[in-house]
């Protein structure tokens, strides 16, 4: 029994020594997009030289590839840490945007899904686990630009600007006030249907909340 336990311990030790560094090496080869995007220019040439060498040796001789991976482990980890450091900065940059989106649209299913994915991404980066891609960063920037930045710009610069919903308002009354035509209520609805502070249930356009500033698009032709 002791011999069997010792044998299992040896196997686990080997897996810890070789398997985890091997994951780092495989990510180093496969995630060239992230390295190209986040490595400073002075390290790009080194990254691709090491990556091309590893790819070539991996195709020719697996045993030599394992030895080479071990030999380059320190340098690969160094480049890996630089990328993760940049990803941490990007994560912190969009974290406030994610909080703002949650404050305004937190009940929206798309924003809820975005939040869940961001939390997983943030946790991986904080644990120094290289993600497969950074699409979540782009999605947060896109949602923030579409739902908040452009809306705020319209409030400041648009002729229609924003409108503070009052108690007793309804969509057709707001449309009548701004457009002179109550039948144009759907224009306002479409522009604000993702704002759960205004429309808690998009399927029920009669139910709107007062005290919320909404976007009023220009009157359609």
C-alpha atoms as a PDB file:
ATOM      1  CA  UNK A   1       0.000   0.000   0.000  1.00  0.00           C
ATOM      2  CA  UNK A   2       2.839   2.362   0.921  1.00  0.00           C
ATOM      3  CA  UNK A   3       4.569   1.583  -2.363  1.00  0.00           C
ATOM      4  CA  UNK A   4       1.404   2.420  -4.277  1.00  0.00           C
ATOM      5  CA  UNK A   5       0.990   5.718  -2.366  1.00  0.00           C
ATOM      6  CA  UNK A   6       4.625   6.606  -3.061  1.00  0.00           C
ATOM      7  CA  UNK A   7       4.121   5.876  -6.773  1.00  0.00           C
ATOM      8  CA  UNK A   8       1.013   8.111  -6.878  1.00  0.00           C
ATOM      9  CA  UNK A   9       2.940  10.879  -5.111  1.00  0.00           C
ATOM     10  CA  UNK A  10       5.672  10.675  -7.735  1.00  0.00           C
ATOM     11  CA  UNK A  11       3.099  10.922 -10.545  1.00  0.00           C
ATOM     12  CA  UNK A  12       1.457  13.951  -8.923  1.00  0.00           C
ATOM     13  CA  UNK A  13       4.852  15.570  -8.457  1.00  0.00           C
ATOM     14  CA  UNK A  14       5.713  15.064 -12.116  1.00  0.00           C
ATOM     15  CA  UNK A  15       2.357  16.524 -13.155  1.00  0.00           C
ATOM     16  CA  UNK A  16       2.923  19.571 -10.975  1.00  0.00           C
ATOM     17  CA  UNK A  17       6.436  20.113 -12.321  1.00  0.00           C
ATOM     18  CA  UNK A  18       5.726  19.574 -16.009  1.00  0.00           C
ATOM     19  CA  UNK A  19       2.017  19.980 -16.726  1.00  0.00           C
ATOM     20  CA  UNK A  20       1.481  23.480 -15.331  1.00  0.00           C
ATOM     21  CA  UNK A  21       4.519  25.040 -17.090  1.00  0.00           C
ATOM     22  CA  UNK A  22       3.373  23.254 -20.217  1.00  0.00           C
ATOM     23  CA  UNK A  23       0.015  25.021 -20.006  1.00  0.00           C
ATOM     24  CA  UNK A  24       1.864  28.334 -19.865  1.00  0.00           C
ATOM     25  CA  UNK A  25       3.928  27.398 -22.906  1.00  0.00           C
ATOM     26  CA  UNK A  26       0.873  26.318 -24.889  1.00  0.00           C
ATOM     27  CA  UNK A  27      -0.871  29.586 -24.036  1.00  0.00           C
ATOM     28  CA  UNK A  28       2.297  31.403 -25.032  1.00  0.00           C
ATOM     29  CA  UNK A  29       2.039  29.775 -28.456  1.00  0.00           C
ATOM     30  CA  UNK A  30      -1.723  29.938 -28.963  1.00  0.00           C
ATOM     31  CA  UNK A  31      -2.569  33.396 -27.573  1.00  0.00           C
ATOM     32  CA  UNK A  32      -0.366  35.355 -29.968  1.00  0.00           C
ATOM     33  CA  UNK A  33      -3.159  37.953 -30.360  1.00  0.00           C
ATOM     34  CA  UNK A  34      -2.977  38.938 -26.687  1.00  0.00           C
ATOM     35  CA  UNK A  35       0.815  39.081 -26.666  1.00  0.00           C
ATOM     36  CA  UNK A  36       0.904  41.136 -29.848  1.00  0.00           C
ATOM     37  CA  UNK A  37      -1.730  43.513 -28.449  1.00  0.00           C
ATOM     38  CA  UNK A  38      -0.427  44.014 -24.911  1.00  0.00           C
ATOM     39  CA  UNK A  39       3.339  43.547 -25.067  1.00  0.00           C
ATOM     40  CA  UNK A  40       5.341  46.792 -25.393  1.00  0.00           C
ATOM     41  CA  UNK A  41       7.017  47.164 -28.789  1.00  0.00           C
ATOM     42  CA  UNK A  42      10.478  46.338 -27.435  1.00  0.00           C
ATOM     43  CA  UNK A  43       9.317  42.797 -26.574  1.00  0.00           C
ATOM     44  CA  UNK A  44       7.301  41.950 -29.686  1.00  0.00           C
ATOM     45  CA  UNK A  45      10.260  40.681 -31.739  1.00  0.00           C
ATOM     46  CA  UNK A  46      11.439  38.512 -28.856  1.00  0.00           C
ATOM     47  CA  UNK A  47       7.987  37.034 -28.384  1.00  0.00           C
ATOM     48  CA  UNK A  48       7.573  35.997 -32.015  1.00  0.00           C
ATOM     49  CA  UNK A  49      11.141  34.643 -32.199  1.00  0.00           C
ATOM     50  CA  UNK A  50      10.528  32.423 -29.165  1.00  0.00           C
ATOM     51  CA  UNK A  51       7.060  31.430 -30.342  1.00  0.00           C
ATOM     52  CA  UNK A  52       8.247  30.455 -33.838  1.00  0.00           C
ATOM     53  CA  UNK A  53      11.086  28.433 -32.341  1.00  0.00           C
ATOM     54  CA  UNK A  54       8.733  26.577 -30.014  1.00  0.00           C
ATOM     55  CA  UNK A  55       6.239  25.868 -32.798  1.00  0.00           C
ATOM     56  CA  UNK A  56       9.001  24.505 -35.050  1.00  0.00           C
ATOM     57  CA  UNK A  57      10.500  22.241 -32.377  1.00  0.00           C
ATOM     58  CA  UNK A  58       7.074  21.055 -31.214  1.00  0.00           C
ATOM     59  CA  UNK A  59       6.295  19.794 -34.726  1.00  0.00           C
ATOM     60  CA  UNK A  60       9.667  18.015 -35.026  1.00  0.00           C
ATOM     61  CA  UNK A  61      10.411  16.473 -31.650  1.00  0.00           C
ATOM     62  CA  UNK A  62       8.091  16.400 -28.640  1.00  0.00           C
ATOM     63  CA  UNK A  63      10.846  15.432 -26.214  1.00  0.00           C
ATOM     64  CA  UNK A  64      13.069  18.273 -27.366  1.00  0.00           C
ATOM     65  CA  UNK A  65      10.060  20.602 -27.175  1.00  0.00           C
ATOM     66  CA  UNK A  66       9.535  19.734 -23.501  1.00  0.00           C
ATOM     67  CA  UNK A  67      13.205  20.370 -22.771  1.00  0.00           C
ATOM     68  CA  UNK A  68      13.152  23.670 -24.650  1.00  0.00           C
ATOM     69  CA  UNK A  69       9.985  24.735 -22.853  1.00  0.00           C
ATOM     70  CA  UNK A  70      11.635  24.106 -19.526  1.00  0.00           C
ATOM     71  CA  UNK A  71      14.734  26.003 -20.594  1.00  0.00           C
ATOM     72  CA  UNK A  72      12.714  29.028 -21.723  1.00  0.00           C
ATOM     73  CA  UNK A  73      10.309  28.896 -18.793  1.00  0.00           C
ATOM     74  CA  UNK A  74      11.754  31.900 -16.966  1.00  0.00           C
ATOM     75  CA  UNK A  75      11.648  34.158 -20.041  1.00  0.00           C
ATOM     76  CA  UNK A  76       8.166  32.994 -21.021  1.00  0.00           C
ATOM     77  CA  UNK A  77       6.902  33.751 -17.518  1.00  0.00           C
ATOM     78  CA  UNK A  78       8.495  37.208 -17.704  1.00  0.00           C
ATOM     79  CA  UNK A  79       6.658  38.059 -20.943  1.00  0.00           C
ATOM     80  CA  UNK A  80       3.520  36.421 -19.586  1.00  0.00           C
ATOM     81  CA  UNK A  81       3.589  38.663 -16.507  1.00  0.00           C
ATOM     82  CA  UNK A  82       3.932  41.796 -18.648  1.00  0.00           C
ATOM     83  CA  UNK A  83       0.789  40.874 -20.603  1.00  0.00           C
ATOM     84  CA  UNK A  84      -1.128  40.074 -17.413  1.00  0.00           C
ATOM     85  CA  UNK A  85      -0.057  43.387 -15.888  1.00  0.00           C
ATOM     86  CA  UNK A  86      -1.490  45.236 -18.894  1.00  0.00           C
ATOM     87  CA  UNK A  87      -4.670  43.158 -18.718  1.00  0.00           C
ATOM     88  CA  UNK A  88      -5.030  44.079 -15.052  1.00  0.00           C
ATOM     89  CA  UNK A  89      -4.824  47.760 -15.990  1.00  0.00           C
ATOM     90  CA  UNK A  90      -7.485  47.261 -18.677  1.00  0.00           C
ATOM     91  CA  UNK A  91      -9.660  45.388 -16.200  1.00  0.00           C
ATOM     92  CA  UNK A  92      -9.452  48.263 -13.726  1.00  0.00           C
ATOM     93  CA  UNK A  93     -10.175  50.753 -16.505  1.00  0.00           C
ATOM     94  CA  UNK A  94     -13.454  49.120 -17.523  1.00  0.00           C
ATOM     95  CA  UNK A  95     -14.499  48.116 -14.000  1.00  0.00           C
ATOM     96  CA  UNK A  96     -15.981  51.553 -13.301  1.00  0.00           C
ATOM     97  CA  UNK A  97     -17.788  51.441 -16.650  1.00  0.00           C
ATOM     98  CA  UNK A  98     -19.260  48.077 -15.697  1.00  0.00           C
ATOM     99  CA  UNK A  99     -20.442  49.526 -12.385  1.00  0.00           C
ATOM    100  CA  UNK A 100     -22.058  52.484 -14.172  1.00  0.00           C
ATOM    101  CA  UNK A 101     -23.818  50.144 -16.601  1.00  0.00           C
ATOM    102  CA  UNK A 102     -25.111  48.075 -13.693  1.00  0.00           C
ATOM    103  CA  UNK A 103     -26.371  51.162 -11.906  1.00  0.00           C
ATOM    104  CA  UNK A 104     -28.415  52.280 -14.916  1.00  0.00           C
ATOM    105  CA  UNK A 105     -29.248  48.989 -16.674  1.00  0.00           C
ATOM    106  CA  UNK A 106     -28.525  46.296 -14.082  1.00  0.00           C
ATOM    107  CA  UNK A 107     -31.853  44.526 -14.567  1.00  0.00           C
ATOM    108  CA  UNK A 108     -31.272  44.120 -18.312  1.00  0.00           C
ATOM    109  CA  UNK A 109     -30.423  40.488 -19.143  1.00  0.00           C
ATOM    110  CA  UNK A 110     -27.638  41.489 -21.540  1.00  0.00           C
ATOM    111  CA  UNK A 111     -25.949  43.650 -18.899  1.00  0.00           C
ATOM    112  CA  UNK A 112     -26.362  40.884 -16.310  1.00  0.00           C
ATOM    113  CA  UNK A 113     -24.646  38.422 -18.647  1.00  0.00           C
ATOM    114  CA  UNK A 114     -21.900  40.961 -19.349  1.00  0.00           C
ATOM    115  CA  UNK A 115     -21.348  41.403 -15.617  1.00  0.00           C
ATOM    116  CA  UNK A 116     -21.071  37.645 -15.006  1.00  0.00           C
ATOM    117  CA  UNK A 117     -18.531  37.241 -17.811  1.00  0.00           C
ATOM    118  CA  UNK A 118     -16.535  40.224 -16.576  1.00  0.00           C
ATOM    119  CA  UNK A 119     -16.329  38.835 -13.046  1.00  0.00           C
ATOM    120  CA  UNK A 120     -14.919  35.553 -14.386  1.00  0.00           C
ATOM    121  CA  UNK A 121     -12.436  37.447 -16.567  1.00  0.00           C
ATOM    122  CA  UNK A 122     -11.392  39.704 -13.677  1.00  0.00           C
ATOM    123  CA  UNK A 123     -10.912  36.734 -11.353  1.00  0.00           C
ATOM    124  CA  UNK A 124      -8.709  34.916 -13.898  1.00  0.00           C
ATOM    125  CA  UNK A 125      -6.532  37.980 -14.489  1.00  0.00           C
ATOM    126  CA  UNK A 126      -6.155  38.685 -10.764  1.00  0.00           C
ATOM    127  CA  UNK A 127      -5.061  35.074 -10.279  1.00  0.00           C
ATOM    128  CA  UNK A 128      -2.543  35.575 -13.115  1.00  0.00           C
ATOM    129  CA  UNK A 129      -4.333  33.080 -15.314  1.00  0.00           C
ATOM    130  CA  UNK A 130      -3.980  34.056 -18.965  1.00  0.00           C
ATOM    131  CA  UNK A 131      -7.440  34.390 -20.593  1.00  0.00           C
ATOM    132  CA  UNK A 132      -8.076  33.032 -24.059  1.00  0.00           C
ATOM    133  CA  UNK A 133      -9.241  36.420 -25.342  1.00  0.00           C
ATOM    134  CA  UNK A 134     -10.167  39.926 -24.174  1.00  0.00           C
ATOM    135  CA  UNK A 135     -13.482  40.321 -25.984  1.00  0.00           C
ATOM    136  CA  UNK A 136     -15.178  41.241 -22.703  1.00  0.00           C
ATOM    137  CA  UNK A 137     -13.114  44.470 -22.568  1.00  0.00           C
ATOM    138  CA  UNK A 138     -14.320  45.506 -26.016  1.00  0.00           C
ATOM    139  CA  UNK A 139     -17.929  44.605 -25.199  1.00  0.00           C
ATOM    140  CA  UNK A 140     -17.944  46.746 -22.055  1.00  0.00           C
ATOM    141  CA  UNK A 141     -16.455  49.689 -23.961  1.00  0.00           C
ATOM    142  CA  UNK A 142     -19.057  49.261 -26.714  1.00  0.00           C
ATOM    143  CA  UNK A 143     -22.009  49.057 -24.327  1.00  0.00           C
ATOM    144  CA  UNK A 144     -20.768  52.022 -22.313  1.00  0.00           C
ATOM    145  CA  UNK A 145     -20.300  54.099 -25.454  1.00  0.00           C
ATOM    146  CA  UNK A 146     -23.724  53.189 -26.814  1.00  0.00           C
ATOM    147  CA  UNK A 147     -25.763  53.384 -23.626  1.00  0.00           C
ATOM    148  CA  UNK A 148     -24.028  56.085 -21.602  1.00  0.00           C
ATOM    149  CA  UNK A 149     -21.457  58.207 -23.482  1.00  0.00           C
ATOM    150  CA  UNK A 150     -23.625  58.959 -26.517  1.00  0.00           C
ATOM    151  CA  UNK A 151     -26.637  59.515 -24.311  1.00  0.00           C
ATOM    152  CA  UNK A 152     -24.761  62.022 -22.143  1.00  0.00           C
ATOM    153  CA  UNK A 153     -23.474  63.757 -25.253  1.00  0.00           C
ATOM    154  CA  UNK A 154     -27.038  64.089 -26.489  1.00  0.00           C
ATOM    155  CA  UNK A 155     -28.085  65.552 -23.156  1.00  0.00           C
ATOM    156  CA  UNK A 156     -25.381  68.215 -23.373  1.00  0.00           C
ATOM    157  CA  UNK A 157     -25.440  69.015 -27.081  1.00  0.00           C
ATOM    158  CA  UNK A 158     -28.655  67.804 -28.669  1.00  0.00           C
ATOM    159  CA  UNK A 159     -31.478  70.211 -29.474  1.00  0.00           C
ATOM    160  CA  UNK A 160     -33.878  67.775 -27.855  1.00  0.00           C
ATOM    161  CA  UNK A 161     -31.523  66.939 -24.999  1.00  0.00           C
ATOM    162  CA  UNK A 162     -32.702  64.780 -22.149  1.00  0.00           C
ATOM    163  CA  UNK A 163     -36.062  64.820 -20.434  1.00  0.00           C
ATOM    164  CA  UNK A 164     -36.683  64.262 -16.733  1.00  0.00           C
ATOM    165  CA  UNK A 165     -39.730  62.025 -16.419  1.00  0.00           C
ATOM    166  CA  UNK A 166     -42.333  63.414 -14.017  1.00  0.00           C
ATOM    167  CA  UNK A 167     -45.023  61.734 -11.961  1.00  0.00           C
ATOM    168  CA  UNK A 168     -48.097  61.251 -14.149  1.00  0.00           C
ATOM    169  CA  UNK A 169     -46.113  61.040 -17.377  1.00  0.00           C
ATOM    170  CA  UNK A 170     -46.669  58.322 -19.950  1.00  0.00           C
ATOM    171  CA  UNK A 171     -44.970  57.686 -23.277  1.00  0.00           C
ATOM    172  CA  UNK A 172     -47.706  59.160 -25.435  1.00  0.00           C
ATOM    173  CA  UNK A 173     -47.821  62.307 -23.255  1.00  0.00           C
ATOM    174  CA  UNK A 174     -44.027  62.749 -23.516  1.00  0.00           C
ATOM    175  CA  UNK A 175     -44.249  62.286 -27.301  1.00  0.00           C
ATOM    176  CA  UNK A 176     -47.035  64.853 -27.517  1.00  0.00           C
ATOM    177  CA  UNK A 177     -44.981  67.332 -25.478  1.00  0.00           C
ATOM    178  CA  UNK A 178     -41.807  66.972 -27.566  1.00  0.00           C
ATOM    179  CA  UNK A 179     -43.135  66.162 -31.011  1.00  0.00           C
ATOM    180  CA  UNK A 180     -46.674  67.494 -30.961  1.00  0.00           C
ATOM    181  CA  UNK A 181     -47.801  63.998 -31.915  1.00  0.00           C
ATOM    182  CA  UNK A 182     -48.679  61.356 -29.327  1.00  0.00           C
ATOM    183  CA  UNK A 183     -48.485  58.591 -31.945  1.00  0.00           C
ATOM    184  CA  UNK A 184     -44.680  58.995 -32.025  1.00  0.00           C
ATOM    185  CA  UNK A 185     -44.314  57.497 -28.526  1.00  0.00           C
ATOM    186  CA  UNK A 186     -42.585  54.433 -29.969  1.00  0.00           C
ATOM    187  CA  UNK A 187     -39.620  56.587 -31.086  1.00  0.00           C
ATOM    188  CA  UNK A 188     -38.971  57.442 -27.439  1.00  0.00           C
ATOM    189  CA  UNK A 189     -39.651  53.853 -26.380  1.00  0.00           C
ATOM    190  CA  UNK A 190     -37.070  52.416 -28.805  1.00  0.00           C
ATOM    191  CA  UNK A 191     -34.441  54.940 -27.724  1.00  0.00           C
ATOM    192  CA  UNK A 192     -34.834  54.080 -24.030  1.00  0.00           C
ATOM    193  CA  UNK A 193     -36.084  50.494 -23.900  1.00  0.00           C
ATOM    194  CA  UNK A 194     -32.817  49.197 -22.360  1.00  0.00           C
ATOM    195  CA  UNK A 195     -33.013  51.647 -19.455  1.00  0.00           C
ATOM    196  CA  UNK A 196     -34.566  49.561 -16.667  1.00  0.00           C
ATOM    197  CA  UNK A 197     -34.706  52.564 -14.341  1.00  0.00           C
ATOM    198  CA  UNK A 198     -37.210  54.023 -16.801  1.00  0.00           C
ATOM    199  CA  UNK A 199     -38.845  50.926 -18.292  1.00  0.00           C
ATOM    200  CA  UNK A 200     -38.671  48.093 -15.735  1.00  0.00           C
ATOM    201  CA  UNK A 201     -40.608  45.778 -18.082  1.00  0.00           C
ATOM    202  CA  UNK A 202     -40.103  46.614 -21.785  1.00  0.00           C
ATOM    203  CA  UNK A 203     -43.086  44.464 -22.712  1.00  0.00           C
ATOM    204  CA  UNK A 204     -45.307  46.798 -20.668  1.00  0.00           C
ATOM    205  CA  UNK A 205     -44.699  50.240 -22.148  1.00  0.00           C
ATOM    206  CA  UNK A 206     -47.438  51.724 -19.946  1.00  0.00           C
ATOM    207  CA  UNK A 207     -45.246  51.196 -16.858  1.00  0.00           C
ATOM    208  CA  UNK A 208     -42.569  53.878 -16.597  1.00  0.00           C
ATOM    209  CA  UNK A 209     -40.763  55.307 -13.578  1.00  0.00           C
ATOM    210  CA  UNK A 210     -40.580  59.045 -12.803  1.00  0.00           C
ATOM    211  CA  UNK A 211     -37.404  60.815 -11.695  1.00  0.00           C
ATOM    212  CA  UNK A 212     -35.336  59.339 -14.544  1.00  0.00           C
ATOM    213  CA  UNK A 213     -33.691  61.385 -17.292  1.00  0.00           C
ATOM    214  CA  UNK A 214     -34.290  59.816 -20.702  1.00  0.00           C
ATOM    215  CA  UNK A 215     -33.076  60.512 -24.214  1.00  0.00           C
ATOM    216  CA  UNK A 216     -35.448  62.229 -26.624  1.00  0.00           C
ATOM    217  CA  UNK A 217     -34.346  61.606 -30.235  1.00  0.00           C
ATOM    218  CA  UNK A 218     -34.867  64.296 -32.882  1.00  0.00           C
ATOM    219  CA  UNK A 219     -38.363  64.282 -34.322  1.00  0.00           C
ATOM    220  CA  UNK A 220     -38.526  61.859 -37.257  1.00  0.00           C
ATOM    221  CA  UNK A 221     -39.478  63.175 -40.673  1.00  0.00           C
END
